[in-house]
Amino acid sequence: MNPIRYREDIRPLSEFRANTAAFIEQIRTTRRPIVLTQHGRGAAVLVSIDEYEQMVERLALLEDVRRAEEQIARGEGIDHETAKQALLDRFAR
């Protein structure tokens, strides 16, 4: 995701309502999110579907890493050689 350009990418909700197609095109072309404001305060962030899917995938991966770190801290992990052999055995089937 490209970084936000504050002068271009923070817009009022009323402007979005009036120019929805143009906003969607801007998101597609620039690959930057748009921050919508309501009464002068941030209300929502618009991102392309591709960017959203990438964010969800990254978040899921980070959650898996966090869970794995917790398991290792509890002593639930297995050593490298055991894991390697388990995978080799599984693929040999």
Protein backbone atom coordinates (compact mmCIF):
# COMPACT_ATOMS: atom_id res chain seq x y z
CA MET A 1 0.00 0.00 0.00
CA ASN A 2 1.35 3.39 -0.93
CA PRO A 3 1.52 6.00 1.83
CA ILE A 4 -1.26 8.53 2.25
CA ARG A 5 -0.79 11.98 0.74
CA TYR A 6 -2.58 14.13 3.24
CA ARG A 7 -3.56 16.91 0.84
CA GLU A 8 -5.11 14.47 -1.64
CA ASP A 9 -6.28 11.49 0.38
CA ILE A 10 -8.22 12.96 3.29
CA ARG A 11 -11.65 13.97 2.07
CA PRO A 12 -15.06 14.78 3.57
CA LEU A 13 -17.80 12.17 3.45
CA SER A 14 -20.09 14.61 1.62
CA GLU A 15 -17.57 14.80 -1.23
CA PHE A 16 -17.42 11.01 -1.36
CA ARG A 17 -21.20 10.79 -1.63
CA ALA A 18 -21.17 13.20 -4.57
CA ASN A 19 -18.22 11.59 -6.40
CA THR A 20 -18.14 7.92 -5.45
CA ALA A 21 -16.94 6.65 -8.84
CA ALA A 22 -14.08 9.17 -8.91
CA PHE A 23 -12.96 8.12 -5.44
CA ILE A 24 -12.97 4.44 -6.41
CA GLU A 25 -10.93 5.28 -9.52
CA GLN A 26 -8.45 7.26 -7.41
CA ILE A 27 -7.97 4.29 -5.09
CA ARG A 28 -7.43 1.96 -8.05
CA THR A 29 -4.96 4.26 -9.80
CA THR A 30 -2.90 5.50 -6.88
CA ARG A 31 -3.11 2.33 -4.76
CA ARG A 32 -3.38 4.65 -1.75
CA PRO A 33 -6.15 4.60 0.84
CA ILE A 34 -8.56 7.50 1.22
CA VAL A 35 -9.53 8.73 4.67
CA LEU A 36 -13.09 10.01 4.89
CA THR A 37 -13.95 12.61 7.47
CA GLN A 38 -17.28 13.46 9.04
CA HIS A 39 -17.66 16.71 10.96
CA GLY A 40 -13.91 17.24 10.63
CA ARG A 41 -12.92 13.93 12.21
CA GLY A 42 -11.75 10.66 10.67
CA ALA A 43 -14.72 8.35 10.02
CA ALA A 44 -13.59 5.63 7.60
CA VAL A 45 -10.75 4.46 5.40
CA LEU A 46 -11.29 3.24 1.85
CA VAL A 47 -8.83 0.78 0.33
CA SER A 48 -8.91 -1.31 -2.82
CA ILE A 49 -10.06 -4.90 -2.51
CA ASP A 50 -6.55 -6.09 -3.41
CA GLU A 51 -5.00 -4.03 -0.63
CA TYR A 52 -7.65 -5.22 1.84
CA GLU A 53 -7.02 -8.88 0.96
CA GLN A 54 -3.28 -8.39 1.39
CA MET A 55 -3.81 -6.76 4.79
CA VAL A 56 -6.04 -9.63 5.92
CA GLU A 57 -3.46 -12.20 4.78
CA ARG A 58 -0.65 -10.36 6.57
CA LEU A 59 -2.72 -10.12 9.72
CA ALA A 60 -3.48 -13.85 9.62
CA LEU A 61 0.21 -14.65 9.19
CA LEU A 62 1.16 -12.38 12.11
CA GLU A 63 -1.49 -14.06 14.25
CA ASP A 64 -0.03 -17.48 13.37
CA VAL A 65 3.45 -16.27 14.34
CA ARG A 66 2.14 -14.87 17.65
CA ARG A 67 0.40 -18.15 18.44
CA ALA A 68 3.53 -20.14 17.57
CA GLU A 69 5.67 -17.92 19.81
CA GLU A 70 3.25 -18.52 22.69
CA GLN A 71 3.40 -22.28 22.11
CA ILE A 72 7.20 -22.21 22.09
CA ALA A 73 7.23 -20.16 25.30
CA ARG A 74 5.04 -22.85 26.93
CA GLY A 75 7.48 -25.53 25.79
CA GLU A 76 5.04 -26.98 23.25
CA GLY A 77 7.39 -26.67 20.26
CA ILE A 78 9.41 -29.42 18.62
CA ASP A 79 13.01 -29.26 17.49
CA HIS A 80 13.99 -28.68 13.87
CA GLU A 81 15.06 -32.26 13.09
CA THR A 82 11.80 -33.72 14.44
CA ALA A 83 9.74 -31.26 12.39
CA LYS A 84 11.82 -31.93 9.28
CA GLN A 85 11.45 -35.69 9.63
CA ALA A 86 7.68 -35.39 10.19
CA LEU A 87 7.35 -33.38 6.97
CA LEU A 88 9.53 -35.79 5.00
CA ASP A 89 7.48 -38.73 6.28
CA ARG A 90 4.25 -36.95 5.38
CA PHE A 91 5.38 -36.20 1.81
CA ALA A 92 6.70 -39.73 1.32
CA ARG A 93 3.18 -41.17 1.65
